[in-house]
N, C-alpha and C. Protein backbone atom coordinates (compact mmCIF):
# COMPACT_ATOMS: atom_id res chain seq x y z
N MET A 1 0.83 -1.19 0.00
CA MET A 1 0.00 0.00 0.00
C MET A 1 0.87 1.25 0.00
N LYS A 2 1.90 1.31 0.85
CA LYS A 2 2.77 2.47 0.95
C LYS A 2 3.51 2.71 -0.36
N ILE A 3 3.88 1.62 -1.04
CA ILE A 3 4.57 1.76 -2.33
C ILE A 3 3.62 2.36 -3.36
N LYS A 4 2.38 1.87 -3.39
CA LYS A 4 1.40 2.41 -4.33
C LYS A 4 1.15 3.89 -4.06
N LEU A 5 1.07 4.23 -2.77
CA LEU A 5 0.84 5.63 -2.39
C LEU A 5 1.99 6.51 -2.87
N LEU A 6 3.20 6.04 -2.67
CA LEU A 6 4.38 6.81 -3.08
C LEU A 6 4.43 6.98 -4.59
N ILE A 7 4.17 5.89 -5.32
CA ILE A 7 4.20 5.95 -6.79
C ILE A 7 3.15 6.92 -7.32
N PHE A 8 1.94 6.83 -6.75
CA PHE A 8 0.87 7.73 -7.22
C PHE A 8 1.24 9.19 -7.01
N ASN A 9 1.75 9.52 -5.84
CA ASN A 9 2.06 10.92 -5.53
C ASN A 9 3.20 11.44 -6.40
N ILE A 10 4.20 10.59 -6.68
CA ILE A 10 5.29 11.01 -7.56
C ILE A 10 4.78 11.28 -8.97
N LEU A 11 3.96 10.35 -9.49
CA LEU A 11 3.40 10.51 -10.83
C LEU A 11 2.49 11.73 -10.90
N PHE A 12 1.75 11.96 -9.83
CA PHE A 12 0.84 13.11 -9.80
C PHE A 12 1.62 14.41 -9.89
N VAL A 13 2.69 14.52 -9.12
CA VAL A 13 3.53 15.73 -9.14
C VAL A 13 4.15 15.93 -10.52
N ILE A 14 4.65 14.85 -11.13
CA ILE A 14 5.25 14.95 -12.46
C ILE A 14 4.23 15.42 -13.49
N LEU A 15 3.01 14.86 -13.42
CA LEU A 15 1.96 15.26 -14.36
C LEU A 15 1.61 16.73 -14.21
N GLU A 16 1.52 17.20 -12.96
CA GLU A 16 1.18 18.60 -12.73
C GLU A 16 2.28 19.52 -13.28
N ILE A 17 3.52 19.12 -13.08
CA ILE A 17 4.64 19.92 -13.59
C ILE A 17 4.60 20.00 -15.12
N VAL A 18 4.35 18.86 -15.76
CA VAL A 18 4.27 18.83 -17.22
C VAL A 18 3.13 19.70 -17.73
N LEU A 19 1.96 19.61 -17.11
CA LEU A 19 0.79 20.37 -17.57
C LEU A 19 1.04 21.87 -17.54
N TYR A 20 1.65 22.32 -16.47
CA TYR A 20 1.81 23.77 -16.31
C TYR A 20 3.11 24.29 -16.94
N SER A 21 4.17 23.50 -16.88
CA SER A 21 5.44 23.97 -17.43
C SER A 21 5.44 24.00 -18.95
N LYS A 22 4.69 23.10 -19.57
CA LYS A 22 4.64 23.02 -21.02
C LYS A 22 3.55 23.92 -21.61
N GLY A 23 2.84 24.61 -20.75
CA GLY A 23 1.80 25.53 -21.23
C GLY A 23 0.52 24.86 -21.64
N LEU A 24 0.38 23.56 -21.29
CA LEU A 24 -0.86 22.86 -21.64
C LEU A 24 -2.04 23.42 -20.86
N VAL A 25 -1.76 23.93 -19.69
CA VAL A 25 -2.77 24.62 -18.90
C VAL A 25 -2.21 25.99 -18.57
N ASN A 26 -2.84 27.03 -19.09
CA ASN A 26 -2.34 28.39 -18.93
C ASN A 26 -3.38 29.20 -18.17
N LEU A 27 -3.02 29.59 -16.97
CA LEU A 27 -3.97 30.30 -16.11
C LEU A 27 -4.39 31.64 -16.70
N LEU A 28 -3.46 32.32 -17.39
CA LEU A 28 -3.77 33.64 -17.95
C LEU A 28 -4.57 33.54 -19.24
N ALA A 29 -4.19 32.60 -20.08
CA ALA A 29 -4.84 32.47 -21.39
C ALA A 29 -6.21 31.80 -21.28
N THR A 30 -6.30 30.76 -20.47
CA THR A 30 -7.57 30.02 -20.32
C THR A 30 -7.86 29.84 -18.84
N PRO A 31 -8.27 30.89 -18.16
CA PRO A 31 -8.48 30.81 -16.71
C PRO A 31 -9.55 29.81 -16.31
N VAL A 32 -10.64 29.72 -17.09
CA VAL A 32 -11.72 28.79 -16.73
C VAL A 32 -11.23 27.35 -16.80
N LEU A 33 -10.53 27.02 -17.89
CA LEU A 33 -9.98 25.67 -18.04
C LEU A 33 -8.97 25.37 -16.93
N ALA A 34 -8.16 26.35 -16.60
CA ALA A 34 -7.15 26.15 -15.56
C ALA A 34 -7.80 25.86 -14.22
N VAL A 35 -8.90 26.59 -13.91
CA VAL A 35 -9.61 26.36 -12.64
C VAL A 35 -10.22 24.97 -12.62
N ILE A 36 -10.82 24.57 -13.75
CA ILE A 36 -11.46 23.24 -13.82
C ILE A 36 -10.41 22.13 -13.63
N VAL A 37 -9.30 22.27 -14.37
CA VAL A 37 -8.23 21.28 -14.26
C VAL A 37 -7.68 21.23 -12.85
N GLY A 38 -7.51 22.39 -12.23
CA GLY A 38 -7.01 22.44 -10.85
C GLY A 38 -7.94 21.76 -9.88
N ALA A 39 -9.26 22.01 -10.03
CA ALA A 39 -10.24 21.40 -9.14
C ALA A 39 -10.27 19.88 -9.30
N VAL A 40 -10.21 19.44 -10.57
CA VAL A 40 -10.19 18.00 -10.83
C VAL A 40 -8.94 17.36 -10.24
N SER A 41 -7.82 18.06 -10.39
CA SER A 41 -6.55 17.53 -9.88
C SER A 41 -6.59 17.40 -8.36
N ILE A 42 -7.09 18.42 -7.69
CA ILE A 42 -7.18 18.38 -6.22
C ILE A 42 -8.10 17.25 -5.77
N GLY A 43 -9.26 17.12 -6.45
CA GLY A 43 -10.20 16.05 -6.10
C GLY A 43 -9.60 14.67 -6.28
N ALA A 44 -8.91 14.49 -7.41
CA ALA A 44 -8.28 13.19 -7.68
C ALA A 44 -7.19 12.90 -6.66
N PHE A 45 -6.40 13.92 -6.32
CA PHE A 45 -5.31 13.73 -5.36
C PHE A 45 -5.85 13.30 -4.00
N ILE A 46 -6.86 14.00 -3.51
CA ILE A 46 -7.44 13.68 -2.20
C ILE A 46 -8.13 12.32 -2.23
N GLY A 47 -8.91 12.09 -3.28
CA GLY A 47 -9.68 10.84 -3.36
C GLY A 47 -8.81 9.61 -3.43
N VAL A 48 -7.82 9.61 -4.29
CA VAL A 48 -6.95 8.45 -4.45
C VAL A 48 -6.14 8.19 -3.19
N ASN A 49 -5.61 9.26 -2.60
CA ASN A 49 -4.85 9.10 -1.36
C ASN A 49 -5.70 8.53 -0.24
N TYR A 50 -6.94 8.99 -0.16
CA TYR A 50 -7.85 8.48 0.87
C TYR A 50 -8.11 6.99 0.67
N CYS A 51 -8.37 6.60 -0.56
CA CYS A 51 -8.65 5.18 -0.85
C CYS A 51 -7.45 4.31 -0.54
N LEU A 52 -6.27 4.75 -0.92
CA LEU A 52 -5.07 3.96 -0.69
C LEU A 52 -4.76 3.84 0.80
N LEU A 53 -5.05 4.88 1.56
CA LEU A 53 -4.73 4.87 2.98
C LEU A 53 -5.72 4.04 3.79
N ASN A 54 -6.97 3.96 3.35
CA ASN A 54 -8.00 3.34 4.17
C ASN A 54 -8.57 2.06 3.58
N ASP A 55 -8.97 2.11 2.35
CA ASP A 55 -9.72 0.99 1.79
C ASP A 55 -8.92 -0.28 1.71
N ASN A 56 -7.69 -0.21 1.22
CA ASN A 56 -6.89 -1.39 0.96
C ASN A 56 -6.53 -2.15 2.22
N SER A 57 -6.01 -1.45 3.21
CA SER A 57 -5.55 -2.12 4.42
C SER A 57 -6.69 -2.68 5.24
N SER A 58 -7.81 -1.93 5.33
CA SER A 58 -8.90 -2.41 6.16
C SER A 58 -9.54 -3.65 5.58
N SER A 59 -9.66 -3.72 4.23
CA SER A 59 -10.28 -4.90 3.63
C SER A 59 -9.45 -6.14 3.88
N LYS A 60 -8.12 -6.02 3.80
CA LYS A 60 -7.26 -7.16 4.05
C LYS A 60 -7.31 -7.57 5.51
N ALA A 61 -7.34 -6.59 6.39
CA ALA A 61 -7.30 -6.89 7.82
C ALA A 61 -8.55 -7.60 8.29
N LEU A 62 -9.69 -7.38 7.60
CA LEU A 62 -10.95 -7.92 8.09
C LEU A 62 -11.31 -9.26 7.44
N ARG A 63 -10.54 -9.74 6.51
CA ARG A 63 -10.86 -11.00 5.84
C ARG A 63 -10.34 -12.17 6.65
N MET A 64 -11.04 -12.47 7.73
CA MET A 64 -10.59 -13.48 8.67
C MET A 64 -10.55 -14.87 8.03
N GLU A 65 -11.46 -15.11 7.09
CA GLU A 65 -11.52 -16.44 6.49
C GLU A 65 -10.29 -16.74 5.65
N ARG A 66 -9.52 -15.72 5.31
CA ARG A 66 -8.33 -15.93 4.49
C ARG A 66 -7.09 -16.22 5.33
N LEU A 67 -7.22 -16.23 6.63
CA LEU A 67 -6.07 -16.49 7.50
C LEU A 67 -5.87 -18.00 7.61
N LYS A 68 -4.94 -18.51 6.84
CA LYS A 68 -4.67 -19.94 6.81
C LYS A 68 -3.24 -20.27 7.24
N THR A 69 -2.29 -19.56 6.67
CA THR A 69 -0.89 -19.88 6.90
C THR A 69 -0.22 -18.79 7.73
N LEU A 70 0.99 -19.10 8.20
CA LEU A 70 1.73 -18.12 9.00
C LEU A 70 1.96 -16.82 8.23
N PRO A 71 2.34 -16.84 6.95
CA PRO A 71 2.46 -15.58 6.21
C PRO A 71 1.16 -14.78 6.14
N ASP A 72 0.01 -15.48 6.11
CA ASP A 72 -1.28 -14.78 6.11
C ASP A 72 -1.42 -13.95 7.39
N TYR A 73 -1.05 -14.55 8.52
CA TYR A 73 -1.16 -13.85 9.80
C TYR A 73 -0.14 -12.71 9.88
N GLN A 74 1.03 -12.94 9.32
CA GLN A 74 2.03 -11.87 9.30
C GLN A 74 1.52 -10.67 8.50
N GLN A 75 0.88 -10.93 7.37
CA GLN A 75 0.36 -9.85 6.54
C GLN A 75 -0.76 -9.11 7.27
N ALA A 76 -1.63 -9.86 7.94
CA ALA A 76 -2.73 -9.22 8.68
C ALA A 76 -2.20 -8.33 9.79
N LEU A 77 -1.19 -8.82 10.52
CA LEU A 77 -0.58 -8.00 11.58
C LEU A 77 0.13 -6.79 10.99
N ASP A 78 0.79 -6.97 9.85
CA ASP A 78 1.44 -5.84 9.18
C ASP A 78 0.42 -4.76 8.81
N ASN A 79 -0.74 -5.20 8.34
CA ASN A 79 -1.78 -4.24 7.98
C ASN A 79 -2.25 -3.44 9.19
N TRP A 80 -2.44 -4.13 10.32
CA TRP A 80 -2.87 -3.43 11.53
C TRP A 80 -1.76 -2.54 12.05
N SER A 81 -0.53 -2.95 11.89
CA SER A 81 0.60 -2.14 12.35
C SER A 81 0.68 -0.83 11.57
N GLY A 82 0.23 -0.85 10.32
CA GLY A 82 0.28 0.33 9.49
C GLY A 82 -0.93 1.23 9.60
N ARG A 83 -1.90 0.85 10.43
CA ARG A 83 -3.11 1.64 10.58
C ARG A 83 -3.12 2.37 11.92
N ALA A 84 -3.89 3.45 11.98
CA ALA A 84 -3.98 4.23 13.22
C ALA A 84 -4.76 3.45 14.27
N ASN A 85 -4.11 3.13 15.39
CA ASN A 85 -4.77 2.45 16.50
C ASN A 85 -3.89 2.61 17.74
N PRO A 86 -4.45 2.40 18.93
CA PRO A 86 -3.68 2.62 20.16
C PRO A 86 -2.87 1.40 20.61
N PHE A 87 -2.77 0.36 19.78
CA PHE A 87 -2.16 -0.88 20.23
C PHE A 87 -0.94 -1.28 19.39
N HIS A 88 -0.19 -0.29 18.93
CA HIS A 88 0.98 -0.59 18.09
C HIS A 88 2.02 -1.41 18.85
N LYS A 89 2.18 -1.15 20.13
CA LYS A 89 3.17 -1.89 20.93
C LYS A 89 2.83 -3.37 20.96
N GLU A 90 1.57 -3.69 21.21
CA GLU A 90 1.14 -5.07 21.28
C GLU A 90 1.23 -5.75 19.91
N ILE A 91 0.86 -5.03 18.86
CA ILE A 91 0.93 -5.60 17.51
C ILE A 91 2.38 -5.90 17.14
N ARG A 92 3.28 -4.98 17.46
CA ARG A 92 4.69 -5.21 17.16
C ARG A 92 5.24 -6.42 17.91
N GLU A 93 4.79 -6.61 19.15
CA GLU A 93 5.24 -7.76 19.93
C GLU A 93 4.72 -9.05 19.31
N ALA A 94 3.48 -9.05 18.86
CA ALA A 94 2.92 -10.24 18.19
C ALA A 94 3.69 -10.54 16.91
N GLN A 95 4.04 -9.51 16.15
CA GLN A 95 4.84 -9.72 14.94
C GLN A 95 6.20 -10.33 15.30
N HIS A 96 6.80 -9.82 16.36
CA HIS A 96 8.10 -10.33 16.80
C HIS A 96 8.00 -11.79 17.21
N GLN A 97 6.90 -12.16 17.86
CA GLN A 97 6.73 -13.55 18.29
C GLN A 97 6.61 -14.50 17.10
N LEU A 98 5.93 -14.09 16.06
CA LEU A 98 5.86 -14.93 14.86
C LEU A 98 7.23 -15.08 14.21
N GLU A 99 8.00 -14.00 14.19
CA GLU A 99 9.35 -14.07 13.64
C GLU A 99 10.23 -15.00 14.47
N LEU A 100 10.09 -14.92 15.80
CA LEU A 100 10.84 -15.81 16.68
C LEU A 100 10.51 -17.27 16.41
N PHE A 101 9.21 -17.55 16.26
CA PHE A 101 8.81 -18.93 16.01
C PHE A 101 9.42 -19.44 14.72
N GLN A 102 9.41 -18.63 13.68
CA GLN A 102 9.99 -19.05 12.40
C GLN A 102 11.47 -19.40 12.55
N ARG A 103 12.19 -18.57 13.29
CA ARG A 103 13.62 -18.84 13.49
C ARG A 103 13.82 -20.12 14.30
N LYS A 104 13.01 -20.29 15.33
CA LYS A 104 13.13 -21.49 16.16
C LYS A 104 12.76 -22.75 15.37
N GLU A 105 11.71 -22.64 14.55
CA GLU A 105 11.30 -23.78 13.74
C GLU A 105 12.40 -24.17 12.76
N THR A 106 13.03 -23.18 12.15
CA THR A 106 14.14 -23.44 11.23
C THR A 106 15.29 -24.12 11.95
N ALA A 107 15.58 -23.67 13.19
CA ALA A 107 16.67 -24.27 13.97
C ALA A 107 16.35 -25.72 14.31
N LEU A 108 15.09 -25.98 14.68
CA LEU A 108 14.69 -27.35 15.03
C LEU A 108 14.85 -28.28 13.83
N LYS A 109 14.38 -27.84 12.67
CA LYS A 109 14.47 -28.68 11.47
C LYS A 109 15.92 -28.91 11.07
N ALA A 110 16.76 -27.90 11.31
CA ALA A 110 18.18 -28.06 11.00
C ALA A 110 18.80 -29.11 11.91
N LEU A 111 18.40 -29.13 13.17
CA LEU A 111 18.91 -30.13 14.11
C LEU A 111 18.44 -31.53 13.75
N LEU A 112 17.19 -31.63 13.30
CA LEU A 112 16.63 -32.94 12.96
C LEU A 112 17.18 -33.47 11.64
N GLY A 113 17.56 -32.56 10.75
CA GLY A 113 18.11 -32.99 9.47
C GLY A 113 17.11 -33.78 8.65
N ASP A 114 17.52 -34.94 8.18
CA ASP A 114 16.67 -35.77 7.32
C ASP A 114 15.44 -36.31 8.06
N GLU A 115 15.47 -36.27 9.40
CA GLU A 115 14.33 -36.79 10.17
C GLU A 115 13.24 -35.75 10.39
N ALA A 116 13.41 -34.56 9.84
CA ALA A 116 12.39 -33.51 9.97
C ALA A 116 11.26 -33.78 8.99
N GLN A 117 10.49 -34.83 9.27
CA GLN A 117 9.43 -35.27 8.37
C GLN A 117 8.17 -35.54 9.18
N ASP A 118 7.05 -35.68 8.46
CA ASP A 118 5.79 -36.04 9.11
C ASP A 118 5.97 -37.35 9.88
N GLY A 119 5.40 -37.38 11.07
CA GLY A 119 5.51 -38.57 11.91
C GLY A 119 6.59 -38.45 12.96
N ASN A 120 7.57 -37.59 12.74
CA ASN A 120 8.59 -37.37 13.76
C ASN A 120 7.93 -36.69 14.96
N PRO A 121 8.11 -37.21 16.18
CA PRO A 121 7.42 -36.63 17.34
C PRO A 121 7.75 -35.17 17.58
N PHE A 122 8.98 -34.77 17.28
CA PHE A 122 9.35 -33.37 17.48
C PHE A 122 8.65 -32.47 16.46
N ILE A 123 8.51 -32.95 15.24
CA ILE A 123 7.81 -32.18 14.21
C ILE A 123 6.33 -32.06 14.56
N GLU A 124 5.76 -33.14 15.11
CA GLU A 124 4.35 -33.08 15.51
C GLU A 124 4.13 -32.05 16.62
N VAL A 125 5.05 -32.03 17.59
CA VAL A 125 4.94 -31.03 18.66
C VAL A 125 5.12 -29.63 18.09
N SER A 126 6.03 -29.50 17.14
CA SER A 126 6.25 -28.20 16.50
C SER A 126 4.98 -27.71 15.83
N ARG A 127 4.23 -28.62 15.23
CA ARG A 127 2.96 -28.24 14.59
C ARG A 127 1.96 -27.77 15.64
N ASP A 128 1.96 -28.45 16.80
CA ASP A 128 1.07 -28.01 17.89
C ASP A 128 1.41 -26.59 18.32
N VAL A 129 2.70 -26.31 18.41
CA VAL A 129 3.14 -24.96 18.78
C VAL A 129 2.63 -23.95 17.75
N SER A 130 2.79 -24.27 16.48
CA SER A 130 2.34 -23.38 15.41
C SER A 130 0.84 -23.14 15.50
N ASP A 131 0.08 -24.22 15.73
CA ASP A 131 -1.38 -24.09 15.83
C ASP A 131 -1.78 -23.19 17.00
N CYS A 132 -1.09 -23.36 18.13
CA CYS A 132 -1.38 -22.54 19.31
C CYS A 132 -1.11 -21.07 19.03
N LEU A 133 0.04 -20.80 18.45
CA LEU A 133 0.42 -19.42 18.17
C LEU A 133 -0.54 -18.76 17.18
N LEU A 134 -0.84 -19.46 16.09
CA LEU A 134 -1.73 -18.88 15.09
C LEU A 134 -3.14 -18.71 15.64
N GLY A 135 -3.56 -19.61 16.51
CA GLY A 135 -4.86 -19.45 17.16
C GLY A 135 -4.90 -18.18 17.99
N ASN A 136 -3.81 -17.91 18.69
CA ASN A 136 -3.74 -16.68 19.48
C ASN A 136 -3.65 -15.44 18.60
N MET A 137 -2.91 -15.54 17.50
CA MET A 137 -2.82 -14.41 16.59
C MET A 137 -4.20 -14.07 16.01
N LYS A 138 -4.99 -15.10 15.77
CA LYS A 138 -6.34 -14.87 15.25
C LYS A 138 -7.18 -14.12 16.28
N LYS A 139 -6.97 -14.44 17.56
CA LYS A 139 -7.69 -13.71 18.62
C LYS A 139 -7.30 -12.25 18.63
N ILE A 140 -6.01 -11.99 18.45
CA ILE A 140 -5.53 -10.60 18.43
C ILE A 140 -6.14 -9.85 17.26
N ILE A 141 -6.11 -10.46 16.08
CA ILE A 141 -6.64 -9.80 14.88
C ILE A 141 -8.15 -9.60 14.99
N THR A 142 -8.84 -10.58 15.56
CA THR A 142 -10.28 -10.45 15.76
C THR A 142 -10.60 -9.30 16.70
N ARG A 143 -9.85 -9.22 17.80
CA ARG A 143 -10.09 -8.13 18.75
C ARG A 143 -9.84 -6.77 18.09
N MET A 144 -8.81 -6.68 17.26
CA MET A 144 -8.55 -5.43 16.56
C MET A 144 -9.70 -5.10 15.61
N SER A 145 -10.26 -6.12 14.96
CA SER A 145 -11.30 -5.90 13.97
C SER A 145 -12.60 -5.41 14.58
N ILE A 146 -12.90 -5.85 15.81
CA ILE A 146 -14.19 -5.49 16.41
C ILE A 146 -14.09 -4.28 17.33
N SER A 147 -12.89 -3.76 17.55
CA SER A 147 -12.72 -2.66 18.49
C SER A 147 -13.05 -1.31 17.85
N ASP A 148 -13.63 -0.45 18.66
CA ASP A 148 -13.89 0.92 18.26
C ASP A 148 -12.80 1.79 18.86
N PHE A 149 -11.80 2.13 18.07
CA PHE A 149 -10.64 2.85 18.59
C PHE A 149 -10.98 4.26 19.04
N SER A 150 -12.11 4.79 18.56
CA SER A 150 -12.51 6.13 18.97
C SER A 150 -13.11 6.14 20.38
N ASP A 151 -13.47 4.97 20.89
CA ASP A 151 -14.03 4.86 22.23
C ASP A 151 -12.90 4.50 23.20
N SER A 152 -12.36 5.50 23.84
CA SER A 152 -11.20 5.28 24.72
C SER A 152 -11.54 4.42 25.94
N SER A 153 -12.83 4.31 26.27
CA SER A 153 -13.22 3.50 27.43
C SER A 153 -12.97 2.02 27.20
N GLN A 154 -12.87 1.61 25.92
CA GLN A 154 -12.62 0.21 25.59
C GLN A 154 -11.14 -0.15 25.70
N ASN A 155 -10.29 0.85 25.62
CA ASN A 155 -8.85 0.58 25.52
C ASN A 155 -8.25 -0.22 26.67
N PRO A 156 -8.60 0.06 27.94
CA PRO A 156 -8.01 -0.73 29.03
C PRO A 156 -8.33 -2.22 28.92
N ALA A 157 -9.59 -2.55 28.62
CA ALA A 157 -9.98 -3.96 28.49
C ALA A 157 -9.28 -4.60 27.30
N ASN A 158 -9.20 -3.88 26.19
CA ASN A 158 -8.52 -4.41 25.01
C ASN A 158 -7.04 -4.64 25.29
N THR A 159 -6.44 -3.69 26.00
CA THR A 159 -5.01 -3.82 26.33
C THR A 159 -4.77 -5.04 27.21
N ARG A 160 -5.62 -5.25 28.22
CA ARG A 160 -5.47 -6.43 29.10
C ARG A 160 -5.60 -7.71 28.30
N PHE A 161 -6.56 -7.75 27.39
CA PHE A 161 -6.76 -8.95 26.59
C PHE A 161 -5.54 -9.24 25.72
N LEU A 162 -5.06 -8.22 25.01
CA LEU A 162 -3.91 -8.40 24.13
C LEU A 162 -2.66 -8.81 24.90
N LYS A 163 -2.46 -8.20 26.06
CA LYS A 163 -1.29 -8.53 26.88
C LYS A 163 -1.36 -9.98 27.37
N GLN A 164 -2.57 -10.46 27.74
CA GLN A 164 -2.68 -11.84 28.20
C GLN A 164 -2.38 -12.82 27.08
N VAL A 165 -2.90 -12.55 25.89
CA VAL A 165 -2.64 -13.44 24.76
C VAL A 165 -1.15 -13.45 24.42
N ILE A 166 -0.53 -12.28 24.45
CA ILE A 166 0.90 -12.20 24.16
C ILE A 166 1.72 -12.93 25.21
N GLU A 167 1.30 -12.85 26.46
CA GLU A 167 2.00 -13.58 27.52
C GLU A 167 1.87 -15.09 27.32
N GLN A 168 0.71 -15.55 26.89
CA GLN A 168 0.54 -16.97 26.59
C GLN A 168 1.46 -17.39 25.44
N ASN A 169 1.58 -16.53 24.45
CA ASN A 169 2.51 -16.81 23.35
C ASN A 169 3.93 -16.95 23.87
N HIS A 170 4.29 -16.08 24.81
CA HIS A 170 5.63 -16.14 25.39
C HIS A 170 5.86 -17.48 26.08
N GLN A 171 4.86 -17.97 26.81
CA GLN A 171 4.98 -19.26 27.49
C GLN A 171 5.10 -20.40 26.48
N ILE A 172 4.34 -20.30 25.40
CA ILE A 172 4.41 -21.33 24.36
C ILE A 172 5.81 -21.36 23.74
N LEU A 173 6.35 -20.20 23.44
CA LEU A 173 7.68 -20.13 22.84
C LEU A 173 8.75 -20.62 23.81
N THR A 174 8.53 -20.40 25.11
CA THR A 174 9.48 -20.92 26.11
C THR A 174 9.48 -22.44 26.10
N GLN A 175 8.31 -23.05 26.02
CA GLN A 175 8.22 -24.50 25.93
C GLN A 175 8.85 -25.01 24.63
N TYR A 176 8.70 -24.23 23.58
CA TYR A 176 9.31 -24.60 22.29
C TYR A 176 10.84 -24.57 22.40
N ASP A 177 11.34 -23.61 23.14
CA ASP A 177 12.79 -23.56 23.42
C ASP A 177 13.23 -24.84 24.12
N ASN A 178 12.44 -25.29 25.09
CA ASN A 178 12.77 -26.53 25.82
C ASN A 178 12.84 -27.71 24.87
N LEU A 179 11.93 -27.73 23.91
CA LEU A 179 11.93 -28.80 22.92
C LEU A 179 13.21 -28.79 22.09
N ILE A 180 13.61 -27.61 21.64
CA ILE A 180 14.82 -27.50 20.81
C ILE A 180 16.06 -27.85 21.63
N ILE A 181 16.09 -27.42 22.89
CA ILE A 181 17.21 -27.77 23.76
C ILE A 181 17.28 -29.28 23.94
N GLU A 182 16.12 -29.90 24.08
CA GLU A 182 16.07 -31.36 24.22
C GLU A 182 16.69 -32.04 23.01
N VAL A 183 16.34 -31.56 21.82
CA VAL A 183 16.88 -32.15 20.60
C VAL A 183 18.38 -31.93 20.53
N SER A 184 18.84 -30.74 20.88
CA SER A 184 20.27 -30.42 20.78
C SER A 184 21.10 -31.24 21.76
N GLN A 185 20.48 -31.66 22.87
CA GLN A 185 21.23 -32.40 23.89
C GLN A 185 21.21 -33.91 23.68
N ILE A 186 20.08 -34.42 23.21
CA ILE A 186 19.97 -35.88 23.11
C ILE A 186 20.01 -36.37 21.67
N GLY A 187 20.03 -35.44 20.71
CA GLY A 187 20.01 -35.88 19.32
C GLY A 187 18.58 -35.98 18.81
N THR A 188 18.41 -36.68 17.72
CA THR A 188 17.11 -36.72 17.04
C THR A 188 16.17 -37.77 17.58
N HIS A 189 16.57 -38.54 18.58
CA HIS A 189 15.70 -39.57 19.14
C HIS A 189 15.07 -39.06 20.42
N ALA A 190 13.76 -39.05 20.45
CA ALA A 190 13.05 -38.46 21.58
C ALA A 190 13.18 -39.32 22.83
N THR A 191 13.40 -38.64 23.95
CA THR A 191 13.32 -39.30 25.25
C THR A 191 11.86 -39.27 25.68
N PRO A 192 11.22 -40.42 25.81
CA PRO A 192 9.77 -40.44 26.05
C PRO A 192 9.33 -39.57 27.22
N GLU A 193 10.05 -39.66 28.34
CA GLU A 193 9.62 -38.91 29.53
C GLU A 193 9.72 -37.40 29.30
N ASN A 194 10.86 -36.95 28.76
CA ASN A 194 11.04 -35.52 28.54
C ASN A 194 10.10 -34.99 27.47
N LEU A 195 9.93 -35.75 26.41
CA LEU A 195 9.03 -35.33 25.35
C LEU A 195 7.60 -35.24 25.87
N GLU A 196 7.21 -36.19 26.71
CA GLU A 196 5.87 -36.19 27.29
C GLU A 196 5.66 -34.96 28.16
N ASN A 197 6.68 -34.59 28.93
CA ASN A 197 6.58 -33.40 29.78
C ASN A 197 6.35 -32.14 28.94
N ILE A 198 7.09 -32.05 27.84
CA ILE A 198 6.96 -30.88 26.97
C ILE A 198 5.59 -30.84 26.31
N THR A 199 5.14 -31.98 25.79
CA THR A 199 3.84 -32.01 25.12
C THR A 199 2.71 -31.75 26.12
N ASP A 200 2.84 -32.23 27.35
CA ASP A 200 1.82 -31.96 28.37
C ASP A 200 1.75 -30.47 28.68
N ALA A 201 2.92 -29.84 28.79
CA ALA A 201 2.95 -28.41 29.07
C ALA A 201 2.30 -27.63 27.93
N LEU A 202 2.61 -28.02 26.70
CA LEU A 202 2.01 -27.35 25.55
C LEU A 202 0.50 -27.59 25.49
N ARG A 203 0.10 -28.79 25.85
CA ARG A 203 -1.33 -29.10 25.83
C ARG A 203 -2.09 -28.25 26.85
N GLN A 204 -1.49 -28.08 28.02
CA GLN A 204 -2.13 -27.25 29.04
C GLN A 204 -2.24 -25.80 28.58
N LEU A 205 -1.19 -25.31 27.92
CA LEU A 205 -1.23 -23.95 27.40
C LEU A 205 -2.31 -23.82 26.32
N ARG A 206 -2.39 -24.84 25.46
CA ARG A 206 -3.39 -24.80 24.40
C ARG A 206 -4.80 -24.80 24.98
N ASP A 207 -5.03 -25.62 26.01
CA ASP A 207 -6.34 -25.67 26.65
C ASP A 207 -6.68 -24.36 27.33
N SER A 208 -5.68 -23.75 27.97
CA SER A 208 -5.94 -22.46 28.63
C SER A 208 -6.20 -21.37 27.60
N ASN A 209 -5.54 -21.47 26.45
CA ASN A 209 -5.77 -20.49 25.39
C ASN A 209 -7.20 -20.59 24.89
N ALA A 210 -7.70 -21.83 24.78
CA ALA A 210 -9.05 -22.04 24.27
C ALA A 210 -10.09 -21.43 25.20
N ASN A 211 -9.73 -21.26 26.46
CA ASN A 211 -10.68 -20.72 27.43
C ASN A 211 -10.68 -19.20 27.49
N VAL A 212 -9.80 -18.57 26.73
CA VAL A 212 -9.77 -17.11 26.70
C VAL A 212 -10.67 -16.64 25.58
N ASN A 213 -11.83 -16.13 25.94
CA ASN A 213 -12.81 -15.70 24.95
C ASN A 213 -12.81 -14.18 24.84
N LEU A 214 -13.31 -13.70 23.71
CA LEU A 214 -13.38 -12.26 23.51
C LEU A 214 -14.28 -11.60 24.52
N SER A 215 -15.24 -12.33 25.08
CA SER A 215 -16.16 -11.76 26.04
C SER A 215 -15.61 -11.71 27.45
N ASP A 216 -14.40 -12.24 27.65
CA ASP A 216 -13.83 -12.26 29.00
C ASP A 216 -13.35 -10.89 29.43
N PHE A 217 -13.23 -9.95 28.50
CA PHE A 217 -12.66 -8.64 28.83
C PHE A 217 -13.60 -7.55 28.34
């Protein structure tokens, strides 16, 4: 969106310079035409800028049914980060958490090597982590979509909700760290007891996440 906005404004300025510098629009010779062209130019400038700033980002941010993959959630968070709202700090933290997960997932697969395939217990747990995180990101995006940012009385409740979801993400990523440490210490063969402890912890986090509803705040 920002690139489109920049390109439009540059082209608009160039067109205006050409029109007036080449004498295609002459205020003294054809004042009526010059006024009409000026009015049309101002209207087009305001209208296009308004559409690019508002229409594009909001439509993408509200299409919840299109949130399927991790890049989809990253794009949705990017859209909200670029819009006027009082929760930029929380949105940036959520973006950072998705980036952290990607780096950790890459590290885990590198440790597993050829065994990073479907059916590997560590890969299955990694998928659970991804599902938990994306489920929480959907809650964040949903809360942003339904919030009235002009009503400041809603902000404290929204802030508490976003902070709780982000804290749960932090706990999930901490458990994911434990999983990666386990792999780095024992190799690619899972220790049943330790793996069970990690999966139980993740399961408890997932269950607690499921109990956090939008109506709780």
